[in-house]
C-alpha atoms as a PDB file:
ATOM      1  CA  MET A   1     163.666  71.478  70.923  1.00  0.00           C
ATOM      2  CA  THR A   2     160.351  69.965  71.914  1.00  0.00           C
ATOM      3  CA  SER A   3     157.811  72.546  73.092  1.00  0.00           C
ATOM      4  CA  GLU A   4     156.259  72.265  76.573  1.00  0.00           C
ATOM      5  CA  PRO A   5     152.633  72.193  75.115  1.00  0.00           C
ATOM      6  CA  PHE A   6     153.564  69.118  73.074  1.00  0.00           C
ATOM      7  CA  VAL A   7     154.884  67.394  76.158  1.00  0.00           C
ATOM      8  CA  ARG A   8     151.865  68.235  78.164  1.00  0.00           C
ATOM      9  CA  GLN A   9     149.610  67.025  75.458  1.00  0.00           C
ATOM     10  CA  HIS A  10     151.344  63.737  74.740  1.00  0.00           C
ATOM     11  CA  ALA A  11     153.712  62.818  77.516  1.00  0.00           C
ATOM     12  CA  ALA A  12     151.327  63.543  80.325  1.00  0.00           C
ATOM     13  CA  ARG A  13     148.597  61.408  78.927  1.00  0.00           C
ATOM     14  CA  PRO A  14     148.271  58.362  81.112  1.00  0.00           C
ATOM     15  CA  THR A  15     147.608  54.962  79.485  1.00  0.00           C
ATOM     16  CA  ALA A  16     144.960  54.048  82.137  1.00  0.00           C
ATOM     17  CA  PRO A  17     142.093  51.620  81.518  1.00  0.00           C
ATOM     18  CA  PRO A  18     138.826  53.120  80.317  1.00  0.00           C
ATOM     19  CA  ARG A  19     136.873  54.786  83.161  1.00  0.00           C
ATOM     20  CA  ARG A  20     133.813  53.020  82.299  1.00  0.00           C
ATOM     21  CA  LEU A  21     135.410  49.585  82.176  1.00  0.00           C
ATOM     22  CA  LEU A  22     132.350  47.731  83.574  1.00  0.00           C
ATOM     23  CA  ALA A  23     130.143  49.221  80.924  1.00  0.00           C
ATOM     24  CA  HIS A  24     132.502  48.067  78.225  1.00  0.00           C
ATOM     25  CA  LEU A  25     132.647  44.558  79.764  1.00  0.00           C
ATOM     26  CA  LEU A  26     128.904  44.330  79.959  1.00  0.00           C
ATOM     27  CA  ARG A  27     128.699  44.866  76.229  1.00  0.00           C
ATOM     28  CA  HIS A  28     131.050  41.871  75.746  1.00  0.00           C
ATOM     29  CA  ARG A  29     129.234  38.539  75.597  1.00  0.00           C
ATOM     30  CA  GLU A  30     132.097  36.461  77.066  1.00  0.00           C
ATOM     31  CA  ALA A  31     132.520  39.015  79.817  1.00  0.00           C
ATOM     32  CA  ARG A  32     128.776  38.832  80.864  1.00  0.00           C
ATOM     33  CA  ILE A  33     129.057  35.069  81.244  1.00  0.00           C
ATOM     34  CA  GLY A  34     132.326  35.425  83.129  1.00  0.00           C
ATOM     35  CA  LEU A  35     130.990  38.043  85.445  1.00  0.00           C
ATOM     36  CA  PHE A  36     127.947  35.942  86.200  1.00  0.00           C
ATOM     37  CA  PHE A  37     129.983  32.951  87.281  1.00  0.00           C
ATOM     38  CA  ALA A  38     132.535  35.170  88.999  1.00  0.00           C
ATOM     39  CA  ALA A  39     129.851  36.933  91.014  1.00  0.00           C
ATOM     40  CA  LEU A  40     128.342  33.618  91.988  1.00  0.00           C
ATOM     41  CA  LEU A  41     131.697  32.208  93.099  1.00  0.00           C
ATOM     42  CA  ILE A  42     132.683  35.341  95.037  1.00  0.00           C
ATOM     43  CA  GLY A  43     129.411  35.084  96.790  1.00  0.00           C
ATOM     44  CA  LEU A  44     130.173  31.477  97.762  1.00  0.00           C
ATOM     45  CA  ALA A  45     133.624  32.572  99.016  1.00  0.00           C
ATOM     46  CA  LEU A  46     132.249  35.410 101.098  1.00  0.00           C
ATOM     47  CA  PHE A  47     129.052  33.879 102.435  1.00  0.00           C
ATOM     48  CA  GLY A  48     129.637  30.139 101.980  1.00  0.00           C
ATOM     49  CA  PRO A  49     130.501  29.362 105.621  1.00  0.00           C
ATOM     50  CA  LEU A  50     127.405  31.234 106.718  1.00  0.00           C
ATOM     51  CA  LEU A  51     125.156  29.368 104.251  1.00  0.00           C
ATOM     52  CA  ALA A  52     126.534  25.913 105.143  1.00  0.00           C
ATOM     53  CA  PRO A  53     123.608  23.890 106.578  1.00  0.00           C
ATOM     54  CA  TYR A  54     125.914  21.746 108.760  1.00  0.00           C
ATOM     55  CA  ASP A  55     129.270  22.044 110.452  1.00  0.00           C
ATOM     56  CA  PRO A  56     131.686  21.147 107.559  1.00  0.00           C
ATOM     57  CA  ASN A  57     134.217  19.450 109.848  1.00  0.00           C
ATOM     58  CA  GLN A  58     131.828  17.528 112.130  1.00  0.00           C
ATOM     59  CA  PRO A  59     131.879  13.778 111.343  1.00  0.00           C
ATOM     60  CA  ASP A  60     128.766  11.622 111.680  1.00  0.00           C
ATOM     61  CA  PHE A  61     129.835   8.061 110.926  1.00  0.00           C
ATOM     62  CA  ARG A  62     126.264   6.872 111.019  1.00  0.00           C
ATOM     63  CA  ALA A  63     125.612   8.796 107.872  1.00  0.00           C
ATOM     64  CA  LYS A  64     128.768   8.176 105.902  1.00  0.00           C
ATOM     65  CA  LEU A  65     128.773   7.863 102.086  1.00  0.00           C
ATOM     66  CA  GLU A  66     125.050   8.714 101.807  1.00  0.00           C
ATOM     67  CA  ALA A  67     123.710   9.507  98.364  1.00  0.00           C
ATOM     68  CA  PRO A  68     122.307  12.928  97.597  1.00  0.00           C
ATOM     69  CA  SER A  69     118.899  13.521  99.358  1.00  0.00           C
ATOM     70  CA  ALA A  70     116.699  16.297 100.588  1.00  0.00           C
ATOM     71  CA  GLU A  71     118.751  16.349 103.813  1.00  0.00           C
ATOM     72  CA  HIS A  72     122.225  16.221 102.171  1.00  0.00           C
ATOM     73  CA  TRP A  73     121.945  17.742  98.704  1.00  0.00           C
ATOM     74  CA  LEU A  74     125.379  16.533  97.587  1.00  0.00           C
ATOM     75  CA  GLY A  75     125.540  13.470  99.888  1.00  0.00           C
ATOM     76  CA  THR A  76     128.092  12.813 102.618  1.00  0.00           C
ATOM     77  CA  ASP A  77     131.712  11.823 102.549  1.00  0.00           C
ATOM     78  CA  GLN A  78     133.523   8.931 104.133  1.00  0.00           C
ATOM     79  CA  SER A  79     133.260  10.516 107.583  1.00  0.00           C
ATOM     80  CA  GLY A  80     129.597  11.409 107.212  1.00  0.00           C
ATOM     81  CA  ARG A  81     130.322  15.130 106.737  1.00  0.00           C
ATOM     82  CA  ASP A  82     127.786  17.055 104.606  1.00  0.00           C
ATOM     83  CA  GLN A  83     129.443  17.494 101.186  1.00  0.00           C
ATOM     84  CA  LEU A  84     127.570  20.738 100.331  1.00  0.00           C
ATOM     85  CA  SER A  85     128.718  22.344 103.601  1.00  0.00           C
ATOM     86  CA  ARG A  86     132.274  21.405 102.846  1.00  0.00           C
ATOM     87  CA  VAL A  87     132.039  22.789  99.237  1.00  0.00           C
ATOM     88  CA  LEU A  88     130.752  26.081 100.601  1.00  0.00           C
ATOM     89  CA  ASP A  89     133.359  26.227 103.285  1.00  0.00           C
ATOM     90  CA  GLY A  90     136.175  25.302 100.950  1.00  0.00           C
ATOM     91  CA  ALA A  91     135.298  28.061  98.488  1.00  0.00           C
ATOM     92  CA  GLN A  92     136.944  30.638 100.683  1.00  0.00           C
ATOM     93  CA  ARG A  93     140.181  28.707 100.925  1.00  0.00           C
ATOM     94  CA  THR A  94     140.486  27.776  97.202  1.00  0.00           C
ATOM     95  CA  LEU A  95     139.486  31.096  95.718  1.00  0.00           C
ATOM     96  CA  GLY A  96     140.836  33.288  98.491  1.00  0.00           C
ATOM     97  CA  THR A  97     144.210  31.592  98.299  1.00  0.00           C
ATOM     98  CA  ALA A  98     144.293  32.049  94.516  1.00  0.00           C
ATOM     99  CA  LEU A  99     143.489  35.752  94.843  1.00  0.00           C
ATOM    100  CA  LEU A 100     146.035  36.149  97.666  1.00  0.00           C
ATOM    101  CA  VAL A 101     148.863  34.518  95.692  1.00  0.00           C
ATOM    102  CA  LEU A 102     148.016  36.263  92.398  1.00  0.00           C
ATOM    103  CA  GLY A 103     147.802  39.679  94.147  1.00  0.00           C
ATOM    104  CA  SER A 104     151.203  39.100  95.749  1.00  0.00           C
ATOM    105  CA  ILE A 105     153.013  37.995  92.660  1.00  0.00           C
ATOM    106  CA  PHE A 106     151.353  40.795  90.693  1.00  0.00           C
ATOM    107  CA  GLY A 107     152.709  43.380  93.106  1.00  0.00           C
ATOM    108  CA  ILE A 108     156.215  41.865  93.418  1.00  0.00           C
ATOM    109  CA  GLY A 109     156.604  41.361  89.715  1.00  0.00           C
ATOM    110  CA  LEU A 110     155.377  44.820  88.873  1.00  0.00           C
ATOM    111  CA  LEU A 111     157.826  46.440  91.359  1.00  0.00           C
ATOM    112  CA  VAL A 112     160.883  44.325  90.415  1.00  0.00           C
ATOM    113  CA  GLY A 113     160.154  44.479  86.681  1.00  0.00           C
ATOM    114  CA  THR A 114     159.632  48.225  86.705  1.00  0.00           C
ATOM    115  CA  ILE A 115     162.794  48.954  88.732  1.00  0.00           C
ATOM    116  CA  ALA A 116     164.817  46.621  86.406  1.00  0.00           C
ATOM    117  CA  GLY A 117     163.469  48.269  83.245  1.00  0.00           C
ATOM    118  CA  MET A 118     163.753  51.806  84.412  1.00  0.00           C
ATOM    119  CA  SER A 119     167.160  51.488  86.116  1.00  0.00           C
ATOM    120  CA  GLY A 120     169.124  49.443  83.646  1.00  0.00           C
ATOM    121  CA  GLY A 121     172.837  48.767  84.135  1.00  0.00           C
ATOM    122  CA  ILE A 122     173.990  46.585  87.089  1.00  0.00           C
ATOM    123  CA  VAL A 123     170.518  46.689  88.787  1.00  0.00           C
ATOM    124  CA  ASP A 124     168.840  45.313  85.747  1.00  0.00           C
ATOM    125  CA  ILE A 125     171.435  42.587  85.303  1.00  0.00           C
ATOM    126  CA  VAL A 126     171.291  41.425  88.906  1.00  0.00           C
ATOM    127  CA  LEU A 127     167.525  41.361  89.017  1.00  0.00           C
ATOM    128  CA  MET A 128     167.135  39.552  85.742  1.00  0.00           C
ATOM    129  CA  ARG A 129     169.688  36.977  86.622  1.00  0.00           C
ATOM    130  CA  LEU A 130     167.665  36.268  89.718  1.00  0.00           C
ATOM    131  CA  VAL A 131     164.598  35.957  87.540  1.00  0.00           C
ATOM    132  CA  ASP A 132     166.383  33.557  85.227  1.00  0.00           C
ATOM    133  CA  VAL A 133     167.382  31.313  88.068  1.00  0.00           C
ATOM    134  CA  LEU A 134     163.766  31.123  89.237  1.00  0.00           C
ATOM    135  CA  MET A 135     162.381  30.504  85.741  1.00  0.00           C
ATOM    136  CA  ALA A 136     164.873  27.712  85.093  1.00  0.00           C
ATOM    137  CA  LEU A 137     162.238  25.224  86.348  1.00  0.00           C
ATOM    138  CA  PRO A 138     158.502  25.154  85.596  1.00  0.00           C
ATOM    139  CA  SER A 139     156.633  27.095  88.250  1.00  0.00           C
ATOM    140  CA  ILE A 140     154.593  24.109  89.502  1.00  0.00           C
ATOM    141  CA  VAL A 141     157.684  21.919  89.773  1.00  0.00           C
ATOM    142  CA  LEU A 142     159.510  24.555  91.764  1.00  0.00           C
ATOM    143  CA  ALA A 143     156.448  25.037  93.986  1.00  0.00           C
ATOM    144  CA  ILE A 144     156.422  21.287  94.730  1.00  0.00           C
ATOM    145  CA  ALA A 145     160.048  21.392  95.638  1.00  0.00           C
ATOM    146  CA  ILE A 146     159.657  24.289  97.969  1.00  0.00           C
ATOM    147  CA  VAL A 147     156.627  22.673  99.715  1.00  0.00           C
ATOM    148  CA  GLY A 148     158.611  19.436  99.951  1.00  0.00           C
ATOM    149  CA  VAL A 149     161.418  21.268 101.812  1.00  0.00           C
ATOM    150  CA  LEU A 150     159.166  23.370 104.031  1.00  0.00           C
ATOM    151  CA  GLY A 151     156.502  20.740 104.648  1.00  0.00           C
ATOM    152  CA  PRO A 152     152.821  20.616 103.634  1.00  0.00           C
ATOM    153  CA  GLY A 153     150.465  23.318 104.884  1.00  0.00           C
ATOM    154  CA  PHE A 154     148.473  26.332 103.868  1.00  0.00           C
ATOM    155  CA  GLN A 155     151.141  29.022 104.611  1.00  0.00           C
ATOM    156  CA  ASN A 156     153.954  27.002 103.009  1.00  0.00           C
ATOM    157  CA  LEU A 157     151.766  26.488  99.866  1.00  0.00           C
ATOM    158  CA  VAL A 158     151.140  30.227  99.575  1.00  0.00           C
ATOM    159  CA  LEU A 159     154.817  31.041 100.003  1.00  0.00           C
ATOM    160  CA  ALA A 160     155.917  28.400  97.560  1.00  0.00           C
ATOM    161  CA  LEU A 161     153.547  29.610  94.827  1.00  0.00           C
ATOM    162  CA  ILE A 162     154.625  33.261  95.323  1.00  0.00           C
ATOM    163  CA  ILE A 163     158.280  32.325  95.140  1.00  0.00           C
ATOM    164  CA  SER A 164     157.870  30.161  92.069  1.00  0.00           C
ATOM    165  CA  TRP A 165     155.504  32.485  90.137  1.00  0.00           C
ATOM    166  CA  TRP A 166     156.574  36.094  90.617  1.00  0.00           C
ATOM    167  CA  ALA A 167     159.573  35.952  88.278  1.00  0.00           C
ATOM    168  CA  TYR A 168     157.364  35.505  85.262  1.00  0.00           C
ATOM    169  CA  TYR A 169     155.501  38.748  86.082  1.00  0.00           C
ATOM    170  CA  ALA A 170     158.801  40.573  86.696  1.00  0.00           C
ATOM    171  CA  ARG A 171     160.057  39.513  83.298  1.00  0.00           C
ATOM    172  CA  LEU A 172     156.808  40.670  81.594  1.00  0.00           C
ATOM    173  CA  ALA A 173     156.803  43.959  83.438  1.00  0.00           C
ATOM    174  CA  ARG A 174     160.378  44.697  82.445  1.00  0.00           C
ATOM    175  CA  SER A 175     159.628  43.993  78.798  1.00  0.00           C
ATOM    176  CA  TYR A 176     156.581  46.338  78.972  1.00  0.00           C
ATOM    177  CA  VAL A 177     158.646  49.050  80.630  1.00  0.00           C
ATOM    178  CA  LEU A 178     161.442  48.753  77.920  1.00  0.00           C
ATOM    179  CA  ASN A 179     158.851  49.070  75.226  1.00  0.00           C
ATOM    180  CA  ALA A 180     157.208  52.057  76.940  1.00  0.00           C
ATOM    181  CA  ARG A 181     160.595  53.830  77.131  1.00  0.00           C
ATOM    182  CA  GLN A 182     160.711  53.929  73.290  1.00  0.00           C
ATOM    183  CA  ARG A 183     157.338  55.634  72.995  1.00  0.00           C
ATOM    184  CA  PRO A 184     157.439  59.155  71.355  1.00  0.00           C
ATOM    185  CA  ASP A 185     155.711  60.722  74.330  1.00  0.00           C
ATOM    186  CA  ILE A 186     158.203  59.312  76.844  1.00  0.00           C
ATOM    187  CA  ILE A 187     161.116  60.458  74.658  1.00  0.00           C
ATOM    188  CA  ALA A 188     159.525  63.904  74.446  1.00  0.00           C
ATOM    189  CA  ALA A 189     159.128  64.073  78.212  1.00  0.00           C
ATOM    190  CA  ARG A 190     162.814  63.248  78.689  1.00  0.00           C
ATOM    191  CA  LEU A 191     163.907  65.896  76.181  1.00  0.00           C
ATOM    192  CA  ALA A 192     161.767  68.353  78.203  1.00  0.00           C
ATOM    193  CA  GLY A 193     163.708  67.549  81.302  1.00  0.00           C
ATOM    194  CA  ILE A 194     160.968  65.514  83.192  1.00  0.00           C
ATOM    195  CA  GLY A 195     162.529  63.151  85.657  1.00  0.00           C
ATOM    196  CA  TRP A 196     162.315  59.351  85.335  1.00  0.00           C
ATOM    197  CA  SER A 197     160.415  59.051  88.609  1.00  0.00           C
ATOM    198  CA  ARG A 198     157.614  61.319  87.444  1.00  0.00           C
ATOM    199  CA  ILE A 199     157.478  59.606  84.005  1.00  0.00           C
ATOM    200  CA  MET A 200     157.403  56.143  85.629  1.00  0.00           C
ATOM    201  CA  VAL A 201     154.576  56.898  88.076  1.00  0.00           C
ATOM    202  CA  GLY A 202     152.573  59.094  85.744  1.00  0.00           C
ATOM    203  CA  HIS A 203     153.085  57.549  82.316  1.00  0.00           C
ATOM    204  CA  VAL A 204     154.753  54.197  82.440  1.00  0.00           C
ATOM    205  CA  LEU A 205     153.141  52.357  85.376  1.00  0.00           C
ATOM    206  CA  PRO A 206     149.525  52.780  84.285  1.00  0.00           C
ATOM    207  CA  GLY A 207     150.100  51.090  80.961  1.00  0.00           C
ATOM    208  CA  VAL A 208     152.347  48.329  82.510  1.00  0.00           C
ATOM    209  CA  THR A 209     149.720  47.686  85.148  1.00  0.00           C
ATOM    210  CA  THR A 210     147.004  47.336  82.523  1.00  0.00           C
ATOM    211  CA  GLN A 211     149.064  44.794  80.543  1.00  0.00           C
ATOM    212  CA  LEU A 212     149.871  42.797  83.617  1.00  0.00           C
ATOM    213  CA  LEU A 213     146.190  42.913  84.730  1.00  0.00           C
ATOM    214  CA  ILE A 214     145.154  41.087  81.563  1.00  0.00           C
ATOM    215  CA  VAL A 215     147.850  38.429  82.156  1.00  0.00           C
ATOM    216  CA  ALA A 216     146.928  38.077  85.823  1.00  0.00           C
ATOM    217  CA  THR A 217     143.196  37.559  84.974  1.00  0.00           C
ATOM    218  CA  LEU A 218     144.107  34.861  82.448  1.00  0.00           C
ATOM    219  CA  ASP A 219     146.422  33.214  84.990  1.00  0.00           C
ATOM    220  CA  LEU A 220     143.726  33.134  87.680  1.00  0.00           C
ATOM    221  CA  GLY A 221     142.354  29.872  86.288  1.00  0.00           C
ATOM    222  CA  ALA A 222     145.834  28.327  86.243  1.00  0.00           C
ATOM    223  CA  MET A 223     146.346  29.507  89.812  1.00  0.00           C
ATOM    224  CA  ILE A 224     143.141  27.933  91.016  1.00  0.00           C
ATOM    225  CA  THR A 225     144.076  24.742  89.237  1.00  0.00           C
ATOM    226  CA  ALA A 226     147.583  24.727  90.768  1.00  0.00           C
ATOM    227  CA  ILE A 227     146.267  25.317  94.365  1.00  0.00           C
ATOM    228  CA  ALA A 228     143.695  22.508  93.870  1.00  0.00           C
ATOM    229  CA  GLY A 229     146.264  20.181  92.276  1.00  0.00           C
ATOM    230  CA  LEU A 230     148.807  20.723  95.103  1.00  0.00           C
ATOM    231  CA  SER A 231     146.072  20.187  97.698  1.00  0.00           C
ATOM    232  CA  PHE A 232     145.033  17.065  95.807  1.00  0.00           C
ATOM    233  CA  LEU A 233     148.582  15.747  96.330  1.00  0.00           C
ATOM    234  CA  GLY A 234     148.376  16.586 100.058  1.00  0.00           C
ATOM    235  CA  LEU A 235     150.751  19.546  99.977  1.00  0.00           C
ATOM    236  CA  GLY A 236     148.144  22.243 100.743  1.00  0.00           C
ATOM    237  CA  VAL A 237     145.357  22.566 103.261  1.00  0.00           C
ATOM    238  CA  GLN A 238     145.432  19.744 105.675  1.00  0.00           C
ATOM    239  CA  PRO A 239     142.557  17.630 106.991  1.00  0.00           C
ATOM    240  CA  PRO A 240     139.966  18.189 108.422  1.00  0.00           C
ATOM    241  CA  GLU A 241     139.729  21.642 106.755  1.00  0.00           C
ATOM    242  CA  ALA A 242     137.745  21.696 103.501  1.00  0.00           C
ATOM    243  CA  GLU A 243     139.447  22.644 100.242  1.00  0.00           C
ATOM    244  CA  TRP A 244     138.233  21.689  96.731  1.00  0.00           C
ATOM    245  CA  GLY A 245     141.449  19.917  95.671  1.00  0.00           C
ATOM    246  CA  ALA A 246     141.729  18.019  98.988  1.00  0.00           C
ATOM    247  CA  MET A 247     138.062  17.024  98.649  1.00  0.00           C
ATOM    248  CA  LEU A 248     138.771  15.595  95.199  1.00  0.00           C
ATOM    249  CA  SER A 249     141.659  13.543  96.637  1.00  0.00           C
ATOM    250  CA  GLU A 250     139.391  12.103  99.308  1.00  0.00           C
ATOM    251  CA  ALA A 251     136.497  11.376  96.933  1.00  0.00           C
ATOM    252  CA  ARG A 252     138.632   9.533  94.367  1.00  0.00           C
ATOM    253  CA  LEU A 253     139.165   6.737  96.882  1.00  0.00           C
ATOM    254  CA  TYR A 254     135.366   6.033  96.793  1.00  0.00           C
ATOM    255  CA  PHE A 255     134.782   6.720  93.165  1.00  0.00           C
ATOM    256  CA  THR A 256     133.362   3.312  92.351  1.00  0.00           C
ATOM    257  CA  LEU A 257     130.899   3.452  95.307  1.00  0.00           C
ATOM    258  CA  THR A 258     130.004   7.159  95.461  1.00  0.00           C
ATOM    259  CA  PRO A 259     130.872   8.879  92.187  1.00  0.00           C
ATOM    260  CA  TRP A 260     128.719  11.868  93.054  1.00  0.00           C
ATOM    261  CA  LEU A 261     131.245  12.947  95.664  1.00  0.00           C
ATOM    262  CA  LEU A 262     133.528  14.163  92.800  1.00  0.00           C
ATOM    263  CA  PHE A 263     130.998  16.600  91.377  1.00  0.00           C
ATOM    264  CA  GLY A 264     130.736  18.784  94.513  1.00  0.00           C
ATOM    265  CA  PRO A 265     134.348  20.184  94.357  1.00  0.00           C
ATOM    266  CA  LEU A 266     134.907  19.515  90.630  1.00  0.00           C
ATOM    267  CA  LEU A 267     132.138  21.752  89.287  1.00  0.00           C
ATOM    268  CA  PRO A 268     133.091  24.949  91.152  1.00  0.00           C
ATOM    269  CA  ILE A 269     136.644  24.503  90.002  1.00  0.00           C
ATOM    270  CA  PHE A 270     135.511  24.050  86.429  1.00  0.00           C
ATOM    271  CA  PHE A 271     133.322  27.219  86.586  1.00  0.00           C
ATOM    272  CA  ALA A 272     136.015  29.275  88.393  1.00  0.00           C
ATOM    273  CA  VAL A 273     138.522  28.394  85.650  1.00  0.00           C
ATOM    274  CA  LEU A 274     135.914  29.151  82.971  1.00  0.00           C
ATOM    275  CA  ALA A 275     135.022  32.526  84.466  1.00  0.00           C
ATOM    276  CA  ALA A 276     138.640  33.552  84.811  1.00  0.00           C
ATOM    277  CA  ASN A 277     139.426  32.686  81.191  1.00  0.00           C
ATOM    278  CA  LEU A 278     136.322  34.399  79.889  1.00  0.00           C
ATOM    279  CA  LEU A 279     137.077  37.601  81.887  1.00  0.00           C
ATOM    280  CA  GLY A 280     140.663  37.552  80.813  1.00  0.00           C
ATOM    281  CA  ASN A 281     139.729  37.357  77.147  1.00  0.00           C
ATOM    282  CA  ALA A 282     137.255  40.145  77.617  1.00  0.00           C
ATOM    283  CA  LEU A 283     139.670  42.425  79.442  1.00  0.00           C
ATOM    284  CA  ARG A 284     142.280  41.735  76.703  1.00  0.00           C
ATOM    285  CA  ASP A 285     139.797  42.799  74.025  1.00  0.00           C
ATOM    286  CA  THR A 286     138.696  45.879  76.108  1.00  0.00           C
ATOM    287  CA  LEU A 287     142.009  47.136  77.466  1.00  0.00           C
ATOM    288  CA  ASP A 288     144.160  46.181  74.536  1.00  0.00           C
ATOM    289  CA  PRO A 289     141.914  46.501  71.461  1.00  0.00           C
ATOM    290  CA  GLY A 290     144.869  46.171  69.165  1.00  0.00           C
ATOM    291  CA  ARG A 291     145.020  42.498  70.010  1.00  0.00           C
ATOM    292  CA  SER A 292     141.223  41.877  69.699  1.00  0.00           C
ATOM    293  CA  ARG A 293     140.092  38.912  67.690  1.00  0.00           C
END
C-alpha cells in the first residue's frame, strides 16, 4: 500500500504557476514586447476618457472630416467629433468588453469542465452533450444568430459571446481534468483515501487553470477581433458611443475622402491583438515548458 509520506510528497504538490512569473516573463523577448503594448493599452482603457481632449460624443458639423492637425491630432469624423477623443473613449469599451467576456467564459468553462471530468457518468454525459450542441456551429456564427434574435446592443453582444464561446473552454477543461486523473500522484492520493473534493481543489484545479490561462491569453486577440467585427456590423455598441469596430464601420464610408480616419481605431486593434498573441506564446513557454519552441 502507498505510504503516507509518498502521498504528501507527490500528491500534495500543486501544479501552480511559478511564483516569480513576472520575472520569468521579463526574460522572454516576446513577453517584454507584449507587456509593453499591453500596459500601454490598459492605460488607455483606464485613463482614456480622462485624457480625451474633447467630448467624444459632441458633434461639431463646422469641423467635420478635417485632416489631422495640431488641434485634432487624428482629424475629425463625419459629425465633426474629435477622432483621438473617440479612440481614447472607445478603448474602455473594446478592451473592457473583451476582458469581461473572456473572464466569464473562463470561469464558466472551468467550472463545467471540472465538474464533468471529475464526476463522470450521467453528469458528464449531459454536460458534454450540451457542449456538443453549442459547438455544432462556429462561435462567431452562433453569436451573430443570438444577437440577431435578441437585437443589437452592448449587453446582448456580451451575452451572445459568452453563450457561444464557453463550451470550448468546458471541453478543454474536461480533457485536462481527465488527463490529470491519470497522473501517478493523483492515483496515489486516491489509494491513500484522500477525497475527490480535496484532490480537485488542491491538485487538479491549479494545473487545469494554468492550461486554460494559456489558451485564454491566446484567445484574447480573437475576442477583441470578434467584438470589433460584430460592432463593425452594427451588432454591438450603438451610436453615438465610441467603439473601435463601430468607428471603423463609420470611417469606411469616407475612405476615399478621409483615409486617415481608419488608422485611429485600426492601429490599437492591431497592437492589442499583437500584445495578446505575444503574451500568450510567452505564457505557454513559461508555464508549459514541455511545449516550448
